[in-house]
N, C-alpha and C. Protein backbone atom coordinates (compact mmCIF):
# COMPACT_ATOMS: atom_id res chain seq x y z
N MET A 1 9.90 12.96 2.83
CA MET A 1 8.90 12.55 3.46
C MET A 1 8.53 11.10 2.49
N PRO A 2 8.65 9.79 2.50
CA PRO A 2 8.55 8.74 1.52
C PRO A 2 6.81 9.33 0.69
N GLY A 3 6.41 8.87 -0.24
CA GLY A 3 5.88 8.66 -1.16
C GLY A 3 4.46 7.55 -1.08
N PRO A 4 3.15 7.96 -1.42
CA PRO A 4 2.33 7.23 -0.96
C PRO A 4 2.34 5.79 -1.02
N SER A 5 3.17 5.18 -2.16
CA SER A 5 3.38 3.61 -2.44
C SER A 5 4.28 3.02 -1.84
N CYS A 6 5.04 3.76 -0.93
CA CYS A 6 6.44 3.02 -0.30
C CYS A 6 5.57 2.32 0.47
N GLY A 7 4.57 2.56 2.06
CA GLY A 7 3.94 1.40 2.88
C GLY A 7 3.33 0.92 1.99
N VAL A 8 2.61 0.71 0.80
CA VAL A 8 1.72 -0.14 0.26
C VAL A 8 2.01 -1.38 0.14
N VAL A 9 3.36 -1.36 -0.46
CA VAL A 9 3.82 -2.50 -1.10
C VAL A 9 4.31 -3.81 0.04
N ALA A 10 4.60 -3.08 0.91
CA ALA A 10 5.67 -3.52 2.20
C ALA A 10 3.95 -4.28 3.28
N LEU A 11 3.19 -3.21 3.31
CA LEU A 11 2.18 -3.20 3.87
C LEU A 11 0.60 -4.55 3.10
N ARG A 12 0.64 -5.31 2.04
CA ARG A 12 0.04 -5.95 1.31
C ARG A 12 -0.41 -7.18 1.98
N ASN A 13 0.51 -7.57 3.19
CA ASN A 13 0.85 -8.87 3.95
C ASN A 13 -0.08 -9.08 4.67
N LEU A 14 -0.59 -7.56 4.92
CA LEU A 14 -2.31 -7.70 6.89
C LEU A 14 -3.19 -7.77 5.98
N PRO A 15 -4.19 -8.20 7.31
CA PRO A 15 -4.05 -7.96 8.04
C PRO A 15 -3.68 -9.76 8.29
N SER A 16 -2.48 -10.11 9.03
CA SER A 16 -2.13 -11.42 9.08
C SER A 16 -3.62 -11.92 10.62
N LYS A 17 -3.59 -13.13 10.88
CA LYS A 17 -3.92 -13.26 12.22
C LYS A 17 -3.40 -13.21 13.03
N SER A 18 -2.30 -13.29 13.04
CA SER A 18 -1.63 -12.69 14.50
C SER A 18 -0.83 -11.31 14.87
N TRP A 19 -1.17 -10.70 16.13
CA TRP A 19 -0.94 -9.31 15.92
C TRP A 19 0.26 -9.47 15.99
N THR A 20 1.38 -10.34 16.31
CA THR A 20 2.81 -9.89 16.23
C THR A 20 3.65 -10.30 15.25
N VAL A 21 2.46 -10.49 13.98
CA VAL A 21 2.98 -10.57 12.46
C VAL A 21 2.90 -9.24 12.19
N ASN A 22 1.53 -8.61 12.54
CA ASN A 22 1.03 -7.46 12.20
C ASN A 22 2.19 -6.01 12.32
N GLN A 23 2.40 -6.53 14.05
CA GLN A 23 3.68 -5.63 14.37
C GLN A 23 4.94 -5.18 13.93
N GLY A 24 5.06 -7.11 13.16
CA GLY A 24 6.05 -7.00 12.07
C GLY A 24 6.38 -6.22 11.08
N TRP A 25 5.35 -6.52 10.46
CA TRP A 25 5.10 -5.75 9.30
C TRP A 25 4.98 -4.59 9.06
N VAL A 26 4.43 -3.63 9.94
CA VAL A 26 4.23 -2.50 10.17
C VAL A 26 5.80 -1.65 10.49
N LEU A 27 6.28 -2.50 10.95
CA LEU A 27 7.58 -2.04 11.88
C LEU A 27 9.09 -2.49 10.94
N ALA A 28 8.52 -3.05 9.59
CA ALA A 28 9.68 -3.28 8.52
C ALA A 28 9.38 -2.38 7.59
N ALA A 29 7.80 -2.12 7.65
CA ALA A 29 7.71 -0.92 6.39
C ALA A 29 8.17 0.39 7.03
N ASN A 30 7.95 0.46 7.95
CA ASN A 30 8.52 2.03 8.70
C ASN A 30 9.99 2.51 8.71
N ILE A 31 10.72 1.12 9.09
CA ILE A 31 12.10 1.37 8.96
C ILE A 31 12.59 1.62 7.69
N ALA A 32 12.05 0.56 6.62
CA ALA A 32 12.00 0.63 5.29
C ALA A 32 12.23 2.33 4.64
N ALA A 33 10.70 2.86 4.68
CA ALA A 33 10.57 4.11 4.76
C ALA A 33 11.25 5.17 5.50
N ASP A 34 12.00 4.91 6.47
CA ASP A 34 12.64 5.79 7.10
C ASP A 34 14.01 6.13 6.68
N LEU A 35 14.52 4.49 6.36
CA LEU A 35 16.33 4.18 5.78
C LEU A 35 16.06 5.15 3.87
N ALA A 36 15.00 4.73 2.94
CA ALA A 36 14.95 5.58 1.84
C ALA A 36 15.18 7.02 2.20
N ALA A 37 13.92 7.42 3.21
CA ALA A 37 14.23 8.99 3.33
C ALA A 37 15.79 9.65 3.87
N TRP A 38 16.31 8.92 4.55
CA TRP A 38 17.29 9.32 5.07
C TRP A 38 18.46 9.08 3.87
N THR A 39 18.12 8.36 3.43
CA THR A 39 19.45 7.94 2.25
C THR A 39 19.42 9.54 1.06
N ARG A 40 17.91 9.81 1.04
CA ARG A 40 17.61 10.70 -0.39
C ARG A 40 17.92 11.75 0.87
N LEU A 41 17.84 12.29 1.91
CA LEU A 41 18.64 13.52 2.66
C LEU A 41 19.65 13.84 2.67
N LEU A 42 20.76 12.37 3.30
CA LEU A 42 21.72 12.61 2.71
C LEU A 42 22.76 12.61 1.49
N GLY A 43 22.80 11.25 1.18
CA GLY A 43 23.16 10.78 0.43
C GLY A 43 23.12 11.51 -1.04
N LEU A 44 21.66 12.08 -1.18
CA LEU A 44 21.53 12.00 -2.42
C LEU A 44 20.60 13.51 -2.77
N HIS A 45 21.16 14.48 -1.52
CA HIS A 45 20.80 15.82 -1.78
C HIS A 45 20.56 16.88 -3.15
N ASP A 46 21.58 16.45 -3.54
CA ASP A 46 22.13 17.37 -4.23
C ASP A 46 22.03 17.22 -5.95
N GLN A 47 21.36 15.69 -6.25
CA GLN A 47 21.27 14.99 -7.08
C GLN A 47 19.37 15.70 -7.88
N PRO A 48 19.15 16.25 -9.07
CA PRO A 48 17.61 16.57 -9.03
C PRO A 48 16.97 15.03 -9.47
N ASP A 49 17.57 14.54 -9.91
CA ASP A 49 16.75 13.27 -10.53
C ASP A 49 16.45 12.46 -8.43
N LEU A 50 17.65 12.21 -8.15
CA LEU A 50 17.10 11.41 -7.11
C LEU A 50 16.90 11.92 -5.72
N ALA A 51 16.71 13.04 -5.94
CA ALA A 51 16.75 14.06 -4.54
C ALA A 51 15.23 13.83 -3.75
N HIS A 52 14.33 13.75 -4.67
CA HIS A 52 13.04 13.22 -4.51
C HIS A 52 11.91 12.32 -5.05
N ALA A 53 13.05 11.31 -5.33
CA ALA A 53 12.41 9.90 -5.54
C ALA A 53 11.33 9.30 -5.25
N GLU A 54 11.16 8.40 -5.46
CA GLU A 54 10.08 7.28 -4.90
C GLU A 54 10.82 6.28 -4.19
N PRO A 55 10.64 5.78 -3.59
CA PRO A 55 11.46 4.34 -3.10
C PRO A 55 11.57 3.21 -3.91
N ASP A 56 10.56 3.09 -5.39
CA ASP A 56 10.04 2.31 -6.28
C ASP A 56 11.81 3.13 -7.52
N THR A 57 11.82 4.47 -7.12
CA THR A 57 12.27 4.45 -8.38
C THR A 57 14.03 4.68 -7.77
N LEU A 58 14.22 4.67 -6.34
CA LEU A 58 15.18 4.27 -5.27
C LEU A 58 15.87 2.92 -5.85
N ARG A 59 14.77 2.19 -5.57
CA ARG A 59 15.12 0.92 -5.80
C ARG A 59 15.54 0.42 -7.01
N TYR A 60 15.24 0.75 -8.48
CA TYR A 60 15.58 0.52 -9.38
C TYR A 60 16.41 0.58 -10.17
N ARG A 61 17.43 2.42 -9.62
CA ARG A 61 18.33 3.33 -9.94
C ARG A 61 19.16 2.55 -9.22
N LEU A 62 19.13 2.55 -7.84
CA LEU A 62 20.31 1.93 -6.78
C LEU A 62 20.50 0.50 -6.19
N LEU A 63 19.56 -0.03 -5.81
CA LEU A 63 19.61 -0.85 -4.97
C LEU A 63 19.69 -1.68 -5.66
N HIS A 64 19.19 -2.31 -7.02
CA HIS A 64 19.22 -2.91 -8.00
C HIS A 64 20.44 -2.58 -9.13
N LEU A 65 21.25 -3.19 -7.93
CA LEU A 65 23.37 -2.91 -8.54
C LEU A 65 23.58 -3.72 -9.45
N PRO A 66 23.62 -3.53 -10.76
CA PRO A 66 24.07 -4.59 -11.24
C PRO A 66 25.77 -4.73 -10.93
N ALA A 67 26.43 -5.23 -10.38
CA ALA A 67 27.85 -5.62 -9.89
C ALA A 67 28.30 -6.76 -9.30
N LYS A 68 29.53 -6.62 -9.57
CA LYS A 68 29.76 -7.97 -8.77
C LYS A 68 31.13 -7.89 -7.40
N LEU A 69 30.61 -8.30 -6.39
CA LEU A 69 31.44 -8.07 -5.49
C LEU A 69 32.71 -9.76 -5.53
N THR A 70 33.47 -9.26 -4.89
CA THR A 70 34.42 -10.13 -5.11
C THR A 70 35.49 -9.78 -3.88
N ALA A 71 36.39 -10.69 -3.30
CA ALA A 71 37.25 -10.83 -2.37
C ALA A 71 38.55 -11.30 -2.48
N HIS A 72 39.72 -10.59 -2.15
CA HIS A 72 41.13 -10.87 -2.50
C HIS A 72 42.25 -10.46 -1.50
N ALA A 73 42.48 -11.28 -1.03
CA ALA A 73 43.71 -10.90 -0.02
C ALA A 73 42.80 -9.88 0.97
N ARG A 74 41.98 -10.47 1.56
CA ARG A 74 41.43 -9.67 2.95
C ARG A 74 40.46 -8.96 2.59
N ARG A 75 40.35 -8.26 0.96
CA ARG A 75 39.58 -7.23 0.57
C ARG A 75 38.85 -7.13 0.02
N ARG A 76 38.17 -6.41 0.11
CA ARG A 76 36.59 -6.15 -1.02
C ARG A 76 36.68 -5.77 -1.99
N THR A 77 35.90 -5.88 -3.35
CA THR A 77 36.23 -4.51 -4.50
C THR A 77 34.70 -5.00 -4.95
N LEU A 78 33.99 -3.79 -5.49
CA LEU A 78 32.98 -3.48 -5.92
C LEU A 78 33.17 -3.52 -6.87
N SER A 79 32.84 -3.98 -8.42
CA SER A 79 32.78 -4.04 -10.01
C SER A 79 31.39 -3.67 -10.41
N ILE A 80 31.41 -2.56 -11.02
CA ILE A 80 30.13 -1.50 -11.28
C ILE A 80 30.76 -1.75 -12.70
N PRO A 81 29.90 -2.03 -13.61
CA PRO A 81 29.84 -2.04 -15.35
C PRO A 81 30.51 0.09 -15.41
N ASP A 82 30.97 0.02 -16.37
CA ASP A 82 30.77 1.06 -16.89
C ASP A 82 29.76 1.87 -17.07
N THR A 83 28.57 0.93 -18.31
CA THR A 83 27.71 1.69 -19.35
C THR A 83 26.30 2.14 -18.25
N TRP A 84 26.34 1.52 -16.91
CA TRP A 84 25.25 1.42 -15.68
C TRP A 84 25.03 3.47 -15.32
N PRO A 85 24.00 3.61 -16.10
CA PRO A 85 23.71 4.89 -15.84
C PRO A 85 24.08 5.76 -14.79
N TRP A 86 23.69 4.84 -13.73
CA TRP A 86 23.61 5.30 -12.24
C TRP A 86 24.61 5.65 -11.06
N THR A 87 26.31 5.15 -12.48
CA THR A 87 27.30 4.97 -11.55
C THR A 87 27.80 6.33 -10.54
N GLU A 88 27.75 7.39 -11.16
CA GLU A 88 28.18 8.46 -10.85
C GLU A 88 27.44 8.82 -8.67
N ALA A 89 25.91 8.49 -9.45
CA ALA A 89 25.26 8.67 -8.50
C ALA A 89 25.52 7.93 -6.74
N PHE A 90 25.86 6.48 -7.41
CA PHE A 90 25.63 5.68 -6.82
C PHE A 90 26.79 5.74 -5.82
N LEU A 91 28.05 5.98 -6.32
CA LEU A 91 29.13 6.11 -5.79
C LEU A 91 29.43 7.26 -4.68
N LEU A 92 28.73 8.18 -4.95
CA LEU A 92 28.69 9.63 -4.60
C LEU A 92 27.74 9.39 -3.13
N CYS A 93 26.84 8.72 -3.44
CA CYS A 93 25.65 8.60 -2.23
C CYS A 93 26.67 7.17 -1.03
N TRP A 94 27.67 6.41 -1.71
CA TRP A 94 27.76 5.71 -0.92
C TRP A 94 29.25 6.18 -0.10
N GLN A 95 29.50 7.50 -0.63
CA GLN A 95 30.66 8.07 -0.43
C GLN A 95 30.80 8.46 0.98
N ARG A 96 29.50 9.66 0.86
CA ARG A 96 28.65 10.65 1.75
C ARG A 96 27.93 9.63 2.51
N LEU A 97 27.54 8.17 2.83
CA LEU A 97 26.26 7.92 3.88
C LEU A 97 28.00 7.09 4.58
N THR A 98 29.32 7.04 4.08
CA THR A 98 29.58 6.07 4.89
C THR A 98 30.78 7.06 6.07
N THR A 99 31.15 7.94 5.04
CA THR A 99 31.75 8.82 6.19
C THR A 99 31.45 9.87 7.18
N LEU A 100 29.74 9.46 7.33
CA LEU A 100 28.71 10.24 8.40
C LEU A 100 29.85 9.49 9.53
N PRO A 101 29.49 10.18 10.51
CA PRO A 101 30.03 9.64 11.96
C PRO A 101 29.06 8.70 12.78
N LEU A 102 29.86 7.56 13.44
CA LEU A 102 29.01 6.68 13.55
C LEU A 102 28.42 7.46 15.35
N THR A 103 27.95 7.00 15.37
CA THR A 103 26.99 7.39 17.45
C THR A 103 27.40 6.02 18.24
N THR A 104 27.74 6.46 19.56
CA THR A 104 27.45 5.43 19.88
C THR A 104 26.42 4.89 20.90
């Protein structure tokens, strides 16, 4: 379950004068919390420092990836610096999430 700070940042733009805008912000906050929770559950379950990490920690360690994405000969390559401390955790999580079966 996401931590208490997860929805606070996403919902700081509330209330708006428009009901539809409010619905959109709440929906976006819920989707972000769900994605963070599922990422921790499916991709980081055995990583002691990330399995129960707050969304801010996940954002800092995994989502702010100091990498370069290049394309050559119809192939994409992600270059991650060797000195980045969370390289192995990111690659393991990425591998686990990309091998999940697709649903129809």
